[in-house]
């Protein structure tokens, strides 16, 4: 599968290329997006949505800007029965769920 296919599926499901983080809950340490959805870090250091079902199962990574903003970008997207890398489209075999 090509990287473009993985990113297209993400955009079709989420309507954007990345998730913008508005704030961090100091008690739960959840990242709270502009749309109010909550995200948390897993043991494998990827980030997942924790407040209900994802429209598409995705594991994110964080990026930061010099201005202090955080965004989540897709790292793995679950498509066609396998976790696919959003970096190169390859099938991931060590994502912690298999």
C-alpha atoms as a PDB file:
ATOM      1  CA  UNK A   1       0.000   0.000   0.000  1.00  0.00           C
ATOM      2  CA  UNK A   2       1.261   3.471  -0.793  1.00  0.00           C
ATOM      3  CA  UNK A   3       1.712   6.221   1.799  1.00  0.00           C
ATOM      4  CA  UNK A   4      -0.744   8.396  -0.151  1.00  0.00           C
ATOM      5  CA  UNK A   5      -3.461   5.727   0.296  1.00  0.00           C
ATOM      6  CA  UNK A   6      -2.929   5.663   4.067  1.00  0.00           C
ATOM      7  CA  UNK A   7      -3.027   9.456   4.358  1.00  0.00           C
ATOM      8  CA  UNK A   8      -6.088   9.688   2.099  1.00  0.00           C
ATOM      9  CA  UNK A   9      -7.975   7.261   4.348  1.00  0.00           C
ATOM     10  CA  UNK A  10      -6.996   9.367   7.365  1.00  0.00           C
ATOM     11  CA  UNK A  11      -8.152  12.626   5.736  1.00  0.00           C
ATOM     12  CA  UNK A  12     -11.425  11.068   4.597  1.00  0.00           C
ATOM     13  CA  UNK A  13     -12.125   9.877   8.134  1.00  0.00           C
ATOM     14  CA  UNK A  14     -10.904  12.883  10.131  1.00  0.00           C
ATOM     15  CA  UNK A  15     -11.418  15.675   7.600  1.00  0.00           C
ATOM     16  CA  UNK A  16      -7.941  17.100   8.147  1.00  0.00           C
ATOM     17  CA  UNK A  17      -4.254  16.236   7.961  1.00  0.00           C
ATOM     18  CA  UNK A  18      -3.497  16.568  11.663  1.00  0.00           C
ATOM     19  CA  UNK A  19      -5.198  17.100  15.017  1.00  0.00           C
ATOM     20  CA  UNK A  20      -4.530  20.378  16.836  1.00  0.00           C
ATOM     21  CA  UNK A  21      -4.191  20.139  20.618  1.00  0.00           C
ATOM     22  CA  UNK A  22      -5.810  22.923  22.629  1.00  0.00           C
ATOM     23  CA  UNK A  23      -4.752  21.976  26.163  1.00  0.00           C
ATOM     24  CA  UNK A  24      -3.595  19.186  28.464  1.00  0.00           C
ATOM     25  CA  UNK A  25      -5.703  17.883  31.342  1.00  0.00           C
ATOM     26  CA  UNK A  26      -3.331  18.184  34.334  1.00  0.00           C
ATOM     27  CA  UNK A  27      -4.973  15.306  36.242  1.00  0.00           C
ATOM     28  CA  UNK A  28      -5.385  12.624  33.548  1.00  0.00           C
ATOM     29  CA  UNK A  29      -2.583  13.976  31.325  1.00  0.00           C
ATOM     30  CA  UNK A  30      -4.924  13.635  28.349  1.00  0.00           C
ATOM     31  CA  UNK A  31      -4.272  15.843  25.369  1.00  0.00           C
ATOM     32  CA  UNK A  32      -7.476  17.712  24.514  1.00  0.00           C
ATOM     33  CA  UNK A  33      -8.002  18.642  20.871  1.00  0.00           C
ATOM     34  CA  UNK A  34      -9.740  21.753  19.571  1.00  0.00           C
ATOM     35  CA  UNK A  35     -12.856  19.641  18.931  1.00  0.00           C
ATOM     36  CA  UNK A  36     -12.850  18.398  22.559  1.00  0.00           C
ATOM     37  CA  UNK A  37     -11.719  14.823  21.896  1.00  0.00           C
ATOM     38  CA  UNK A  38      -9.193  13.380  24.329  1.00  0.00           C
ATOM     39  CA  UNK A  39      -5.990  11.560  23.473  1.00  0.00           C
ATOM     40  CA  UNK A  40      -3.481   9.697  25.657  1.00  0.00           C
ATOM     41  CA  UNK A  41      -0.038   8.202  25.242  1.00  0.00           C
ATOM     42  CA  UNK A  42       0.325   4.415  25.105  1.00  0.00           C
ATOM     43  CA  UNK A  43       3.252   2.428  26.453  1.00  0.00           C
ATOM     44  CA  UNK A  44       4.707   2.252  22.932  1.00  0.00           C
ATOM     45  CA  UNK A  45       4.735   6.096  22.896  1.00  0.00           C
ATOM     46  CA  UNK A  46       2.053   6.384  20.240  1.00  0.00           C
ATOM     47  CA  UNK A  47      -1.056   8.390  21.068  1.00  0.00           C
ATOM     48  CA  UNK A  48      -4.640   7.192  20.712  1.00  0.00           C
ATOM     49  CA  UNK A  49      -8.084   8.682  21.156  1.00  0.00           C
ATOM     50  CA  UNK A  50      -9.517   7.640  24.535  1.00  0.00           C
ATOM     51  CA  UNK A  51     -13.010   9.130  24.634  1.00  0.00           C
ATOM     52  CA  UNK A  52     -14.849   6.743  22.343  1.00  0.00           C
ATOM     53  CA  UNK A  53     -14.448   5.019  19.050  1.00  0.00           C
ATOM     54  CA  UNK A  54     -12.180   6.526  16.462  1.00  0.00           C
ATOM     55  CA  UNK A  55     -13.806   6.991  13.086  1.00  0.00           C
ATOM     56  CA  UNK A  56     -10.734   5.087  11.895  1.00  0.00           C
ATOM     57  CA  UNK A  57      -8.265   3.394  14.268  1.00  0.00           C
ATOM     58  CA  UNK A  58      -5.170   5.597  14.275  1.00  0.00           C
ATOM     59  CA  UNK A  59      -2.062   5.868  16.398  1.00  0.00           C
ATOM     60  CA  UNK A  60      -0.545   9.317  16.377  1.00  0.00           C
ATOM     61  CA  UNK A  61       2.761  10.958  17.187  1.00  0.00           C
ATOM     62  CA  UNK A  62       3.145  14.516  18.471  1.00  0.00           C
ATOM     63  CA  UNK A  63       4.886  17.439  16.885  1.00  0.00           C
ATOM     64  CA  UNK A  64       5.549  20.786  18.503  1.00  0.00           C
ATOM     65  CA  UNK A  65       6.064  24.235  17.063  1.00  0.00           C
ATOM     66  CA  UNK A  66       8.362  26.986  18.256  1.00  0.00           C
ATOM     67  CA  UNK A  67       5.242  28.937  19.223  1.00  0.00           C
ATOM     68  CA  UNK A  68       4.299  26.228  21.707  1.00  0.00           C
ATOM     69  CA  UNK A  69       1.523  24.461  19.815  1.00  0.00           C
ATOM     70  CA  UNK A  70       1.123  20.683  19.740  1.00  0.00           C
ATOM     71  CA  UNK A  71      -0.324  18.689  16.881  1.00  0.00           C
ATOM     72  CA  UNK A  72      -0.982  14.999  16.429  1.00  0.00           C
ATOM     73  CA  UNK A  73      -0.046  13.441  13.107  1.00  0.00           C
ATOM     74  CA  UNK A  74      -0.938   9.908  12.025  1.00  0.00           C
ATOM     75  CA  UNK A  75       1.814   7.323  12.551  1.00  0.00           C
ATOM     76  CA  UNK A  76      -0.158   4.086  12.082  1.00  0.00           C
ATOM     77  CA  UNK A  77      -3.582   3.705  10.461  1.00  0.00           C
ATOM     78  CA  UNK A  78      -5.564   0.457  10.600  1.00  0.00           C
ATOM     79  CA  UNK A  79      -6.591  -0.408   7.026  1.00  0.00           C
ATOM     80  CA  UNK A  80      -7.431  -3.662   5.258  1.00  0.00           C
ATOM     81  CA  UNK A  81      -6.960  -5.701   8.440  1.00  0.00           C
ATOM     82  CA  UNK A  82      -3.469  -4.419   9.263  1.00  0.00           C
ATOM     83  CA  UNK A  83      -1.729  -1.444  10.821  1.00  0.00           C
ATOM     84  CA  UNK A  84      -0.165   0.608   8.018  1.00  0.00           C
ATOM     85  CA  UNK A  85       2.618   3.139   8.401  1.00  0.00           C
ATOM     86  CA  UNK A  86       1.627   6.696   7.537  1.00  0.00           C
ATOM     87  CA  UNK A  87       5.319   7.297   6.870  1.00  0.00           C
ATOM     88  CA  UNK A  88       5.806   4.803   4.035  1.00  0.00           C
ATOM     89  CA  UNK A  89       2.589   2.763   3.742  1.00  0.00           C
ATOM     90  CA  UNK A  90       4.226  -0.490   4.800  1.00  0.00           C
ATOM     91  CA  UNK A  91       2.449  -3.091   6.919  1.00  0.00           C
ATOM     92  CA  UNK A  92       3.558  -2.798  10.518  1.00  0.00           C
ATOM     93  CA  UNK A  93       4.167  -6.037  12.384  1.00  0.00           C
ATOM     94  CA  UNK A  94       5.171  -4.713  15.804  1.00  0.00           C
ATOM     95  CA  UNK A  95       2.502  -2.244  16.957  1.00  0.00           C
ATOM     96  CA  UNK A  96       1.771  -3.781  20.336  1.00  0.00           C
ATOM     97  CA  UNK A  97      -1.603  -5.318  19.407  1.00  0.00           C
ATOM     98  CA  UNK A  98      -0.526  -8.343  17.437  1.00  0.00           C
END
